[in-house]
C-alpha atoms as a PDB file:
ATOM      1  CA  UNK A   1      16.983  13.617  18.483  1.00  0.00           C
ATOM      2  CA  UNK A   2      16.637  10.249  16.753  1.00  0.00           C
ATOM      3  CA  UNK A   3      15.596  10.406  13.110  1.00  0.00           C
ATOM      4  CA  UNK A   4      12.989   7.817  12.114  1.00  0.00           C
ATOM      5  CA  UNK A   5      11.924   6.933   8.576  1.00  0.00           C
ATOM      6  CA  UNK A   6       8.338   5.641   8.510  1.00  0.00           C
ATOM      7  CA  UNK A   7       7.344   3.863   5.281  1.00  0.00           C
ATOM      8  CA  UNK A   8       3.663   2.931   5.019  1.00  0.00           C
ATOM      9  CA  UNK A   9       0.998   3.661   2.397  1.00  0.00           C
ATOM     10  CA  UNK A  10      -1.759   4.109   5.001  1.00  0.00           C
ATOM     11  CA  UNK A  11      -1.759   7.904   5.230  1.00  0.00           C
ATOM     12  CA  UNK A  12      -4.184   8.005   8.134  1.00  0.00           C
ATOM     13  CA  UNK A  13      -1.911   5.695  10.115  1.00  0.00           C
ATOM     14  CA  UNK A  14       1.277   7.555   9.208  1.00  0.00           C
ATOM     15  CA  UNK A  15      -0.313  10.858  10.265  1.00  0.00           C
ATOM     16  CA  UNK A  16      -1.245   9.306  13.620  1.00  0.00           C
ATOM     17  CA  UNK A  17       2.167   7.722  14.188  1.00  0.00           C
ATOM     18  CA  UNK A  18       4.005  10.840  13.017  1.00  0.00           C
ATOM     19  CA  UNK A  19       2.114  12.979  15.512  1.00  0.00           C
ATOM     20  CA  UNK A  20       2.622  10.542  18.397  1.00  0.00           C
ATOM     21  CA  UNK A  21       6.312   9.800  17.745  1.00  0.00           C
ATOM     22  CA  UNK A  22       7.092  13.492  17.271  1.00  0.00           C
ATOM     23  CA  UNK A  23       5.547  14.118  20.686  1.00  0.00           C
ATOM     24  CA  UNK A  24       7.830  11.400  22.093  1.00  0.00           C
ATOM     25  CA  UNK A  25      10.936  13.194  20.853  1.00  0.00           C
ATOM     26  CA  UNK A  26      11.515  11.468  17.515  1.00  0.00           C
ATOM     27  CA  UNK A  27      12.092  13.341  14.262  1.00  0.00           C
ATOM     28  CA  UNK A  28       9.851  11.520  11.774  1.00  0.00           C
ATOM     29  CA  UNK A  29      10.022  11.480   7.980  1.00  0.00           C
ATOM     30  CA  UNK A  30       7.201   9.710   6.136  1.00  0.00           C
ATOM     31  CA  UNK A  31       7.248   7.927   2.780  1.00  0.00           C
ATOM     32  CA  UNK A  32       4.069   6.377   1.382  1.00  0.00           C
ATOM     33  CA  UNK A  33       5.591   3.964  -1.125  1.00  0.00           C
ATOM     34  CA  UNK A  34       8.597   1.685  -1.267  1.00  0.00           C
ATOM     35  CA  UNK A  35      10.333   3.606  -4.029  1.00  0.00           C
ATOM     36  CA  UNK A  36      10.438   6.857  -2.085  1.00  0.00           C
ATOM     37  CA  UNK A  37      11.242   4.943   1.098  1.00  0.00           C
ATOM     38  CA  UNK A  38      14.275   3.308  -0.514  1.00  0.00           C
ATOM     39  CA  UNK A  39      15.466   6.624  -1.917  1.00  0.00           C
ATOM     40  CA  UNK A  40      15.265   8.289   1.502  1.00  0.00           C
ATOM     41  CA  UNK A  41      16.814   5.350   3.369  1.00  0.00           C
ATOM     42  CA  UNK A  42      19.816   5.409   1.060  1.00  0.00           C
ATOM     43  CA  UNK A  43      20.708   9.008   1.606  1.00  0.00           C
ATOM     44  CA  UNK A  44      19.224  10.764   4.610  1.00  0.00           C
ATOM     45  CA  UNK A  45      21.132   9.332   7.597  1.00  0.00           C
ATOM     46  CA  UNK A  46      18.224   7.932   9.600  1.00  0.00           C
ATOM     47  CA  UNK A  47      18.656   6.151  12.932  1.00  0.00           C
ATOM     48  CA  UNK A  48      15.912   3.566  12.340  1.00  0.00           C
ATOM     49  CA  UNK A  49      13.363   2.496   9.738  1.00  0.00           C
ATOM     50  CA  UNK A  50       9.749   1.514  10.442  1.00  0.00           C
ATOM     51  CA  UNK A  51       8.662  -0.475   7.405  1.00  0.00           C
ATOM     52  CA  UNK A  52       5.282  -1.849   6.359  1.00  0.00           C
ATOM     53  CA  UNK A  53       5.209  -5.102   4.387  1.00  0.00           C
ATOM     54  CA  UNK A  54       2.476  -4.181   1.887  1.00  0.00           C
ATOM     55  CA  UNK A  55       3.677  -1.192  -0.139  1.00  0.00           C
ATOM     56  CA  UNK A  56       3.374   0.068  -3.734  1.00  0.00           C
ATOM     57  CA  UNK A  57       6.452   0.265  -6.029  1.00  0.00           C
ATOM     58  CA  UNK A  58       8.661  -1.900  -3.772  1.00  0.00           C
ATOM     59  CA  UNK A  59       7.064  -3.978  -1.028  1.00  0.00           C
ATOM     60  CA  UNK A  60       8.669  -4.017   2.394  1.00  0.00           C
ATOM     61  CA  UNK A  61      10.593  -7.233   1.753  1.00  0.00           C
ATOM     62  CA  UNK A  62      12.059  -5.900  -1.495  1.00  0.00           C
ATOM     63  CA  UNK A  63      13.084  -2.661   0.169  1.00  0.00           C
ATOM     64  CA  UNK A  64      14.703  -4.506   3.071  1.00  0.00           C
ATOM     65  CA  UNK A  65      16.536  -6.887   0.740  1.00  0.00           C
ATOM     66  CA  UNK A  66      17.918  -4.029  -1.346  1.00  0.00           C
ATOM     67  CA  UNK A  67      19.164  -2.200   1.757  1.00  0.00           C
ATOM     68  CA  UNK A  68      20.835  -5.265   3.276  1.00  0.00           C
ATOM     69  CA  UNK A  69      22.501  -6.184  -0.018  1.00  0.00           C
ATOM     70  CA  UNK A  70      23.906  -2.690  -0.488  1.00  0.00           C
ATOM     71  CA  UNK A  71      25.711  -2.604   2.837  1.00  0.00           C
ATOM     72  CA  UNK A  72      27.155   0.617   4.217  1.00  0.00           C
ATOM     73  CA  UNK A  73      25.201   2.903   6.541  1.00  0.00           C
ATOM     74  CA  UNK A  74      21.873   2.214   4.836  1.00  0.00           C
ATOM     75  CA  UNK A  75      22.535  -1.526   4.877  1.00  0.00           C
ATOM     76  CA  UNK A  76      23.035  -1.551   8.640  1.00  0.00           C
ATOM     77  CA  UNK A  77      20.026   0.661   9.382  1.00  0.00           C
ATOM     78  CA  UNK A  78      17.935  -0.851  12.216  1.00  0.00           C
ATOM     79  CA  UNK A  79      14.589  -1.994  10.780  1.00  0.00           C
ATOM     80  CA  UNK A  80      11.309  -2.605  12.598  1.00  0.00           C
ATOM     81  CA  UNK A  81       8.715  -4.188  10.328  1.00  0.00           C
ATOM     82  CA  UNK A  82       4.948  -3.727  10.562  1.00  0.00           C
ATOM     83  CA  UNK A  83       3.181  -6.992   9.748  1.00  0.00           C
ATOM     84  CA  UNK A  84      -0.443  -8.054   9.463  1.00  0.00           C
ATOM     85  CA  UNK A  85      -1.819  -9.233  12.785  1.00  0.00           C
ATOM     86  CA  UNK A  86      -1.508 -12.990  13.049  1.00  0.00           C
ATOM     87  CA  UNK A  87       0.652 -13.290   9.915  1.00  0.00           C
ATOM     88  CA  UNK A  88       3.487 -15.374  11.335  1.00  0.00           C
ATOM     89  CA  UNK A  89       4.987 -16.017   7.889  1.00  0.00           C
ATOM     90  CA  UNK A  90       5.588 -12.317   7.215  1.00  0.00           C
ATOM     91  CA  UNK A  91       7.236 -11.909  10.603  1.00  0.00           C
ATOM     92  CA  UNK A  92       9.597 -14.831  10.072  1.00  0.00           C
ATOM     93  CA  UNK A  93      10.460 -13.804   6.509  1.00  0.00           C
ATOM     94  CA  UNK A  94      11.196 -10.254   7.650  1.00  0.00           C
ATOM     95  CA  UNK A  95      13.491 -11.446  10.429  1.00  0.00           C
ATOM     96  CA  UNK A  96      15.233 -13.898   8.105  1.00  0.00           C
ATOM     97  CA  UNK A  97      15.891 -11.058   5.663  1.00  0.00           C
ATOM     98  CA  UNK A  98      17.518  -8.931   8.345  1.00  0.00           C
ATOM     99  CA  UNK A  99      14.774  -7.033  10.163  1.00  0.00           C
ATOM    100  CA  UNK A 100      15.654  -6.321  13.784  1.00  0.00           C
ATOM    101  CA  UNK A 101      12.136  -6.646  15.159  1.00  0.00           C
ATOM    102  CA  UNK A 102       8.472  -6.559  14.134  1.00  0.00           C
ATOM    103  CA  UNK A 103       5.172  -5.242  15.390  1.00  0.00           C
ATOM    104  CA  UNK A 104       1.750  -6.469  14.224  1.00  0.00           C
ATOM    105  CA  UNK A 105      -0.749  -4.002  12.756  1.00  0.00           C
ATOM    106  CA  UNK A 106      -2.802  -2.234  13.862  1.00  0.00           C
ATOM    107  CA  UNK A 107      -0.009  -1.194  16.189  1.00  0.00           C
ATOM    108  CA  UNK A 108      -0.235   0.731  19.420  1.00  0.00           C
ATOM    109  CA  UNK A 109       1.802   3.963  19.019  1.00  0.00           C
ATOM    110  CA  UNK A 110       3.092   3.638  22.587  1.00  0.00           C
ATOM    111  CA  UNK A 111       4.330   0.106  21.896  1.00  0.00           C
ATOM    112  CA  UNK A 112       5.956   1.284  18.666  1.00  0.00           C
ATOM    113  CA  UNK A 113       7.833   4.020  20.531  1.00  0.00           C
ATOM    114  CA  UNK A 114       8.998   1.478  23.123  1.00  0.00           C
ATOM    115  CA  UNK A 115      10.176  -0.950  20.434  1.00  0.00           C
ATOM    116  CA  UNK A 116      12.016   1.850  18.629  1.00  0.00           C
ATOM    117  CA  UNK A 117      13.825   2.854  21.795  1.00  0.00           C
ATOM    118  CA  UNK A 118      14.882  -0.765  22.331  1.00  0.00           C
ATOM    119  CA  UNK A 119      16.156  -1.040  18.739  1.00  0.00           C
ATOM    120  CA  UNK A 120      18.043   2.234  19.069  1.00  0.00           C
ATOM    121  CA  UNK A 121      19.635   1.195  22.372  1.00  0.00           C
ATOM    122  CA  UNK A 122      20.981  -1.925  20.677  1.00  0.00           C
ATOM    123  CA  UNK A 123      22.499   0.209  17.941  1.00  0.00           C
ATOM    124  CA  UNK A 124      24.400   2.540  20.244  1.00  0.00           C
ATOM    125  CA  UNK A 125      28.018   1.901  21.104  1.00  0.00           C
ATOM    126  CA  UNK A 126      28.500   0.357  24.508  1.00  0.00           C
ATOM    127  CA  UNK A 127      31.496   1.564  26.455  1.00  0.00           C
ATOM    128  CA  UNK A 128      32.051  -0.426  29.680  1.00  0.00           C
ATOM    129  CA  UNK A 129      35.798  -1.062  29.871  1.00  0.00           C
ATOM    130  CA  UNK A 130      35.346  -4.625  31.075  1.00  0.00           C
ATOM    131  CA  UNK A 131      33.366  -5.474  27.943  1.00  0.00           C
ATOM    132  CA  UNK A 132      35.661  -3.898  25.380  1.00  0.00           C
ATOM    133  CA  UNK A 133      36.476  -7.421  24.218  1.00  0.00           C
ATOM    134  CA  UNK A 134      34.424 -10.592  24.677  1.00  0.00           C
ATOM    135  CA  UNK A 135      35.506 -13.961  23.382  1.00  0.00           C
ATOM    136  CA  UNK A 136      34.753 -17.656  23.389  1.00  0.00           C
ATOM    137  CA  UNK A 137      37.289 -19.729  21.505  1.00  0.00           C
ATOM    138  CA  UNK A 138      37.754 -18.297  17.981  1.00  0.00           C
ATOM    139  CA  UNK A 139      34.634 -16.158  18.353  1.00  0.00           C
ATOM    140  CA  UNK A 140      35.314 -12.607  19.542  1.00  0.00           C
ATOM    141  CA  UNK A 141      33.173  -9.495  19.957  1.00  0.00           C
ATOM    142  CA  UNK A 142      33.946  -5.809  20.341  1.00  0.00           C
ATOM    143  CA  UNK A 143      30.801  -4.394  21.978  1.00  0.00           C
ATOM    144  CA  UNK A 144      32.026  -0.786  21.803  1.00  0.00           C
ATOM    145  CA  UNK A 145      32.073  -1.090  18.003  1.00  0.00           C
ATOM    146  CA  UNK A 146      29.264  -3.645  17.552  1.00  0.00           C
ATOM    147  CA  UNK A 147      31.657  -5.953  15.700  1.00  0.00           C
ATOM    148  CA  UNK A 148      31.936  -9.735  15.786  1.00  0.00           C
ATOM    149  CA  UNK A 149      34.689 -11.967  14.390  1.00  0.00           C
ATOM    150  CA  UNK A 150      35.260 -15.656  13.726  1.00  0.00           C
ATOM    151  CA  UNK A 151      38.969 -16.471  13.585  1.00  0.00           C
ATOM    152  CA  UNK A 152      39.532 -12.751  12.956  1.00  0.00           C
ATOM    153  CA  UNK A 153      37.112 -12.601  10.010  1.00  0.00           C
ATOM    154  CA  UNK A 154      34.355 -10.007  10.484  1.00  0.00           C
ATOM    155  CA  UNK A 155      30.728 -11.170  10.629  1.00  0.00           C
ATOM    156  CA  UNK A 156      27.981  -9.033   9.093  1.00  0.00           C
ATOM    157  CA  UNK A 157      25.310  -8.982  11.819  1.00  0.00           C
ATOM    158  CA  UNK A 158      22.240  -6.851  12.341  1.00  0.00           C
ATOM    159  CA  UNK A 159      21.928  -5.007  15.647  1.00  0.00           C
ATOM    160  CA  UNK A 160      19.519  -7.615  16.997  1.00  0.00           C
ATOM    161  CA  UNK A 161      21.741 -10.511  15.919  1.00  0.00           C
ATOM    162  CA  UNK A 162      24.765  -8.905  17.557  1.00  0.00           C
ATOM    163  CA  UNK A 163      22.844  -8.401  20.802  1.00  0.00           C
ATOM    164  CA  UNK A 164      21.682 -12.034  20.844  1.00  0.00           C
ATOM    165  CA  UNK A 165      25.196 -13.305  20.137  1.00  0.00           C
ATOM    166  CA  UNK A 166      26.651 -11.034  22.811  1.00  0.00           C
ATOM    167  CA  UNK A 167      24.381 -12.535  25.492  1.00  0.00           C
ATOM    168  CA  UNK A 168      25.328 -16.057  24.364  1.00  0.00           C
ATOM    169  CA  UNK A 169      29.063 -15.237  24.447  1.00  0.00           C
ATOM    170  CA  UNK A 170      28.750 -13.664  27.893  1.00  0.00           C
ATOM    171  CA  UNK A 171      27.188 -16.915  29.103  1.00  0.00           C
ATOM    172  CA  UNK A 172      29.121 -19.385  26.954  1.00  0.00           C
ATOM    173  CA  UNK A 173      28.630 -22.949  28.159  1.00  0.00           C
ATOM    174  CA  UNK A 174      25.338 -22.073  29.859  1.00  0.00           C
ATOM    175  CA  UNK A 175      21.802 -22.614  28.616  1.00  0.00           C
ATOM    176  CA  UNK A 176      20.127 -19.234  28.128  1.00  0.00           C
ATOM    177  CA  UNK A 177      16.335 -19.267  27.989  1.00  0.00           C
ATOM    178  CA  UNK A 178      14.399 -17.577  25.219  1.00  0.00           C
ATOM    179  CA  UNK A 179      12.809 -15.375  27.866  1.00  0.00           C
ATOM    180  CA  UNK A 180      16.229 -14.139  28.974  1.00  0.00           C
ATOM    181  CA  UNK A 181      17.457 -13.667  25.402  1.00  0.00           C
ATOM    182  CA  UNK A 182      14.334 -11.727  24.446  1.00  0.00           C
ATOM    183  CA  UNK A 183      14.560  -9.437  27.462  1.00  0.00           C
ATOM    184  CA  UNK A 184      18.353  -8.970  27.434  1.00  0.00           C
ATOM    185  CA  UNK A 185      18.937  -8.773  23.684  1.00  0.00           C
ATOM    186  CA  UNK A 186      15.665  -7.410  22.286  1.00  0.00           C
ATOM    187  CA  UNK A 187      14.604  -5.310  25.257  1.00  0.00           C
ATOM    188  CA  UNK A 188      11.084  -6.698  25.580  1.00  0.00           C
ATOM    189  CA  UNK A 189       9.111  -9.586  27.036  1.00  0.00           C
ATOM    190  CA  UNK A 190       8.763 -12.882  25.209  1.00  0.00           C
ATOM    191  CA  UNK A 191       5.247 -13.151  23.790  1.00  0.00           C
ATOM    192  CA  UNK A 192       3.303 -16.352  23.016  1.00  0.00           C
ATOM    193  CA  UNK A 193       4.226 -17.836  19.614  1.00  0.00           C
ATOM    194  CA  UNK A 194       7.101 -15.330  19.297  1.00  0.00           C
ATOM    195  CA  UNK A 195       9.841 -16.895  17.164  1.00  0.00           C
ATOM    196  CA  UNK A 196      12.104 -13.857  16.921  1.00  0.00           C
ATOM    197  CA  UNK A 197      14.945 -15.409  18.922  1.00  0.00           C
ATOM    198  CA  UNK A 198      14.752 -18.652  16.911  1.00  0.00           C
ATOM    199  CA  UNK A 199      15.095 -16.735  13.645  1.00  0.00           C
ATOM    200  CA  UNK A 200      17.897 -14.494  14.915  1.00  0.00           C
ATOM    201  CA  UNK A 201      19.837 -17.535  16.152  1.00  0.00           C
ATOM    202  CA  UNK A 202      19.266 -19.274  12.803  1.00  0.00           C
ATOM    203  CA  UNK A 203      20.645 -16.227  10.983  1.00  0.00           C
ATOM    204  CA  UNK A 204      23.670 -16.098  13.288  1.00  0.00           C
ATOM    205  CA  UNK A 205      24.370 -19.787  12.681  1.00  0.00           C
ATOM    206  CA  UNK A 206      24.221 -19.303   8.910  1.00  0.00           C
ATOM    207  CA  UNK A 207      26.612 -16.353   9.014  1.00  0.00           C
ATOM    208  CA  UNK A 208      29.037 -18.200  11.267  1.00  0.00           C
ATOM    209  CA  UNK A 209      28.856 -21.293   9.033  1.00  0.00           C
ATOM    210  CA  UNK A 210      29.784 -19.129   6.035  1.00  0.00           C
ATOM    211  CA  UNK A 211      33.042 -18.405   7.871  1.00  0.00           C
ATOM    212  CA  UNK A 212      33.705 -22.054   8.709  1.00  0.00           C
ATOM    213  CA  UNK A 213      32.075 -22.434  12.110  1.00  0.00           C
ATOM    214  CA  UNK A 214      30.216 -25.605  13.057  1.00  0.00           C
ATOM    215  CA  UNK A 215      26.425 -25.522  13.011  1.00  0.00           C
ATOM    216  CA  UNK A 216      26.701 -26.996  16.508  1.00  0.00           C
ATOM    217  CA  UNK A 217      28.461 -23.919  17.856  1.00  0.00           C
ATOM    218  CA  UNK A 218      25.060 -22.744  19.069  1.00  0.00           C
ATOM    219  CA  UNK A 219      22.826 -25.581  20.154  1.00  0.00           C
ATOM    220  CA  UNK A 220      19.135 -25.665  20.999  1.00  0.00           C
ATOM    221  CA  UNK A 221      18.223 -27.335  24.284  1.00  0.00           C
ATOM    222  CA  UNK A 222      14.588 -28.247  23.678  1.00  0.00           C
ATOM    223  CA  UNK A 223      12.267 -26.564  26.133  1.00  0.00           C
ATOM    224  CA  UNK A 224      15.135 -24.715  27.819  1.00  0.00           C
ATOM    225  CA  UNK A 225      16.811 -22.325  25.363  1.00  0.00           C
ATOM    226  CA  UNK A 226      20.097 -21.923  23.503  1.00  0.00           C
ATOM    227  CA  UNK A 227      23.722 -22.488  24.464  1.00  0.00           C
ATOM    228  CA  UNK A 228      26.948 -21.309  22.879  1.00  0.00           C
ATOM    229  CA  UNK A 229      29.309 -24.269  23.201  1.00  0.00           C
ATOM    230  CA  UNK A 230      32.719 -23.194  24.393  1.00  0.00           C
ATOM    231  CA  UNK A 231      34.927 -24.943  21.878  1.00  0.00           C
ATOM    232  CA  UNK A 232      32.827 -26.173  18.917  1.00  0.00           C
ATOM    233  CA  UNK A 233      34.519 -25.646  15.561  1.00  0.00           C
ATOM    234  CA  UNK A 234      33.966 -26.846  12.010  1.00  0.00           C
END
């Protein structure tokens, strides 16, 4: 049973989501402020975190930043952020800070369960023998361990970032549409005005650049999608 930490100060909402997710086979723990949420996330071995942006003590962004900076098991915890409906800025900021996905509030419990399952699938080890090692030039991936390397130096990627990069490596030299990336890497349909893939690709580029890769390793083909060039280096 997957253990979910739900951090939101709306007690009526958390009661509703707790009841629904428990009925869907999740083990849910609720925290109603960012301080308690951070404490639990650091030590309880959860499989995923559902995190509201507006929280007392520590807001959702602060909590996410602290977790990602700390590293370790808590630092790699898959995070799905709950954002105000129509608040594109919060969504982008959350993704830039390392959230794996987002869902606008008020959220549909069924959609939340579906998004959680997609996030959890990305976090599980993949074992097909023919994908034990993927590579394109100096970029290599080990899908069974969810690890990525540039010239042998490990990259620190979130689950969503790894999944996006994996699809690009599998189709190196080809243009991959945002629709395909969203469905293959994030496990859902691309929605209007959804910039999740753009932000994940931007984060991947930054992390690769920190290890010496060219910013042109992943290029944007306007109106078509993204392509991992087969030999671009810094």
